[in-house]
Amino acid sequence: MRYVAFLRAINVGGHVVKMDVLRERFASLGYSNVETFIASGNVVFETTSRSSKALEKAIEKTLREKLGYEVHTFVRTCAEVAAVAQYEAFASKAVEQAVAFVVGFLADPLDASATKRLMALKSDVDDFHVHGREIYWLCRHRQSDSTFSNALFEKTLGVRSTFRGVNTVRKMAAKYPK
């Protein structure tokens, strides 16, 4: 089965990792057909495992040992990536008028309390939608003008995540179909 691992803390915040090194780390786990998609922590690979959670744990353990820091990992099947790419979280007109449209990957769905805390962060600039293990963030101005960030999300909700532009997710879904 083909999977995509969305890695947090790769080539940001001073953590520079060459893509060939990342591919080698995944291959060392016994995964095949390992590819990276842009240099920001997106790794496509194949394995016989059917457990995303087990894959996440194995990848996190290996990367922590080999890179020397925590790399939170969020694994999705290519079918799940396609579903994320196709999901219409907001009206098309709102998306067209937005400056940024981003999806956040989570390990588990948010509970009602966490969803309520996230929705309390909505503003004239930022809007959010929760669907499954993803949150969709629509930013009406430049992200640098927003008060929302991954750090604020994690501090407010107490859960780890990693964010990718929806266009990147759509390109991945097109390149690696179900």
Protein backbone atom coordinates (compact mmCIF):
# COMPACT_ATOMS: atom_id res chain seq x y z
CA MET A 1 0.00 0.00 0.00
CA ARG A 2 1.20 3.52 -0.77
CA TYR A 3 1.30 6.14 1.98
CA VAL A 4 2.27 9.76 2.45
CA ALA A 5 4.05 10.85 5.62
CA PHE A 6 3.64 14.54 6.46
CA LEU A 7 6.57 15.39 8.73
CA ARG A 8 6.70 18.32 11.12
CA ALA A 9 9.96 20.22 11.68
CA ILE A 10 11.72 19.29 8.45
CA ASN A 11 13.61 22.18 6.82
CA VAL A 12 12.08 24.78 9.12
CA GLY A 13 13.29 26.32 12.35
CA GLY A 14 16.92 25.45 11.72
CA HIS A 15 16.28 21.73 11.18
CA VAL A 16 17.75 21.17 7.73
CA VAL A 17 17.53 17.65 6.34
CA LYS A 18 18.63 16.69 2.85
CA MET A 19 15.98 14.76 0.95
CA ASP A 20 18.33 11.90 0.08
CA VAL A 21 19.00 11.43 3.80
CA LEU A 22 15.27 11.41 4.51
CA ARG A 23 14.68 8.83 1.77
CA GLU A 24 17.48 6.67 3.22
CA ARG A 25 15.87 6.80 6.68
CA PHE A 26 12.56 5.58 5.26
CA ALA A 27 14.26 2.86 3.22
CA SER A 28 16.06 1.69 6.40
CA LEU A 29 12.61 0.94 7.83
CA GLY A 30 12.00 -1.48 4.97
CA TYR A 31 9.72 0.83 2.97
CA SER A 32 9.97 0.71 -0.81
CA ASN A 33 9.57 3.18 -3.67
CA VAL A 34 10.43 6.03 -1.32
CA GLU A 35 10.12 9.53 -2.81
CA THR A 36 10.09 13.01 -1.36
CA PHE A 37 7.72 15.68 -2.59
CA ILE A 38 9.21 19.19 -2.30
CA ALA A 39 11.77 19.69 0.42
CA SER A 40 9.36 20.31 3.29
CA GLY A 41 8.81 16.92 4.84
CA ASN A 42 6.45 15.05 2.51
CA VAL A 43 7.53 11.45 1.96
CA VAL A 44 5.71 8.96 -0.25
CA PHE A 45 6.45 5.28 0.33
CA GLU A 46 5.07 1.78 0.02
CA THR A 47 4.78 -0.93 2.64
CA THR A 48 2.65 -3.95 3.42
CA SER A 49 1.64 -2.49 6.78
CA ARG A 50 -2.02 -1.54 7.13
CA SER A 51 -1.65 0.49 10.34
CA SER A 52 -1.04 4.22 9.96
CA LYS A 53 -0.51 4.53 13.73
CA ALA A 54 2.21 1.85 13.73
CA LEU A 55 3.89 3.56 10.76
CA GLU A 56 3.79 6.94 12.51
CA LYS A 57 5.41 5.49 15.64
CA ALA A 58 8.14 3.65 13.69
CA ILE A 59 8.97 6.73 11.58
CA GLU A 60 9.01 9.06 14.60
CA LYS A 61 11.29 6.69 16.55
CA THR A 62 13.74 6.30 13.68
CA LEU A 63 13.88 10.00 12.87
CA ARG A 64 14.34 10.95 16.55
CA GLU A 65 17.25 8.50 16.79
CA LYS A 66 18.87 9.48 13.48
CA LEU A 67 18.20 13.24 13.42
CA GLY A 68 18.43 13.92 17.15
CA TYR A 69 15.10 15.71 17.55
CA GLU A 70 11.38 15.01 17.60
CA VAL A 71 9.71 14.80 14.19
CA HIS A 72 5.96 14.41 14.58
CA THR A 73 4.61 12.31 11.75
CA PHE A 74 1.13 12.18 10.23
CA VAL A 75 0.56 9.27 7.82
CA ARG A 76 -2.24 9.10 5.25
CA THR A 77 -2.98 6.65 2.46
CA CYS A 78 -2.98 8.12 -1.03
CA ALA A 79 -6.77 7.68 -1.05
CA GLU A 80 -6.98 9.78 2.13
CA VAL A 81 -4.75 12.45 0.58
CA ALA A 82 -7.07 12.53 -2.45
CA ALA A 83 -10.08 12.94 -0.16
CA VAL A 84 -8.38 15.81 1.68
CA ALA A 85 -7.52 17.46 -1.65
CA GLN A 86 -11.09 17.17 -2.95
CA TYR A 87 -12.89 18.16 0.25
CA GLU A 88 -14.75 21.47 0.02
CA ALA A 89 -14.32 22.99 3.45
CA PHE A 90 -15.45 26.47 2.39
CA ALA A 91 -17.59 28.01 -0.32
CA SER A 92 -15.67 28.34 -3.59
CA LYS A 93 -16.09 32.13 -3.61
CA ALA A 94 -14.47 32.39 -0.15
CA VAL A 95 -11.56 30.23 -1.32
CA GLU A 96 -11.09 32.33 -4.47
CA GLN A 97 -10.95 35.53 -2.39
CA ALA A 98 -8.57 34.13 0.24
CA VAL A 99 -4.85 34.75 0.15
CA ALA A 100 -4.00 31.38 1.73
CA PHE A 101 -5.82 28.08 2.06
CA VAL A 102 -4.04 25.56 4.26
CA VAL A 103 -4.76 22.13 5.70
CA GLY A 104 -3.50 20.93 9.07
CA PHE A 105 -2.87 17.23 9.59
CA LEU A 106 -3.59 15.75 13.02
CA ALA A 107 -2.94 12.35 14.56
CA ASP A 108 -6.55 12.01 15.71
CA PRO A 109 -9.80 13.92 15.16
CA LEU A 110 -10.40 16.85 17.50
CA ASP A 111 -12.92 16.28 20.25
CA ALA A 112 -15.81 18.72 20.79
CA SER A 113 -13.90 20.76 23.37
CA ALA A 114 -10.83 21.19 21.16
CA THR A 115 -13.02 22.07 18.17
CA LYS A 116 -14.72 24.75 20.25
CA ARG A 117 -11.33 26.21 21.29
CA LEU A 118 -10.21 26.25 17.65
CA MET A 119 -13.40 27.98 16.50
CA ALA A 120 -12.84 30.63 19.18
CA LEU A 121 -9.74 31.64 17.16
CA LYS A 122 -11.85 32.64 14.14
CA SER A 123 -11.52 36.27 13.12
CA ASP A 124 -12.11 38.59 10.20
CA VAL A 125 -8.81 37.28 8.82
CA ASP A 126 -8.99 33.57 9.71
CA ASP A 127 -11.68 30.93 9.34
CA PHE A 128 -11.47 27.24 10.22
CA HIS A 129 -13.25 24.03 9.39
CA VAL A 130 -12.71 20.65 11.03
CA HIS A 131 -13.18 17.43 9.09
CA GLY A 132 -11.88 14.09 10.31
CA ARG A 133 -8.18 14.27 11.17
CA GLU A 134 -7.71 17.54 9.31
CA ILE A 135 -8.42 21.18 9.93
CA TYR A 136 -8.80 23.61 7.07
CA TRP A 137 -7.59 27.17 7.56
CA LEU A 138 -8.73 29.94 5.26
CA CYS A 139 -6.66 33.11 5.62
CA ARG A 140 -8.11 36.22 3.99
CA HIS A 141 -4.83 38.16 4.24
CA ARG A 142 -1.19 37.15 4.14
CA GLN A 143 -0.43 34.51 6.74
CA SER A 144 2.17 36.84 8.22
CA ASP A 145 -0.68 39.29 8.97
CA SER A 146 -2.63 36.62 10.83
CA THR A 147 -2.45 36.02 14.57
CA PHE A 148 -2.97 32.28 13.90
CA SER A 149 -0.02 29.91 13.60
CA ASN A 150 0.82 26.27 14.14
CA ALA A 151 2.42 27.25 17.46
CA LEU A 152 -0.78 29.01 18.61
CA PHE A 153 -2.86 26.05 17.46
CA GLU A 154 -0.75 23.58 19.43
CA LYS A 155 -0.62 25.81 22.52
CA THR A 156 -4.38 26.44 22.48
CA LEU A 157 -5.46 22.88 21.76
CA GLY A 158 -2.60 20.83 23.20
CA VAL A 159 -2.27 18.66 20.09
CA ARG A 160 0.50 18.33 17.50
CA SER A 161 -0.04 19.12 13.84
CA THR A 162 1.67 20.03 10.62
CA PHE A 163 0.29 22.33 7.94
CA ARG A 164 0.51 22.23 4.14
CA GLY A 165 -0.93 24.49 1.47
CA VAL A 166 -3.99 22.97 -0.17
CA ASN A 167 -2.35 23.43 -3.59
CA THR A 168 0.56 21.25 -2.45
CA VAL A 169 -1.87 18.58 -1.22
CA ARG A 170 -3.76 18.72 -4.53
CA LYS A 171 -0.52 18.33 -6.50
CA MET A 172 0.42 15.33 -4.37
CA ALA A 173 -3.00 13.76 -4.90
CA ALA A 174 -2.63 14.22 -8.66
CA LYS A 175 0.89 12.77 -8.76
CA TYR A 176 0.14 9.84 -6.43
CA PRO A 177 -3.42 8.71 -7.21
CA LYS A 178 -5.34 6.29 -5.02
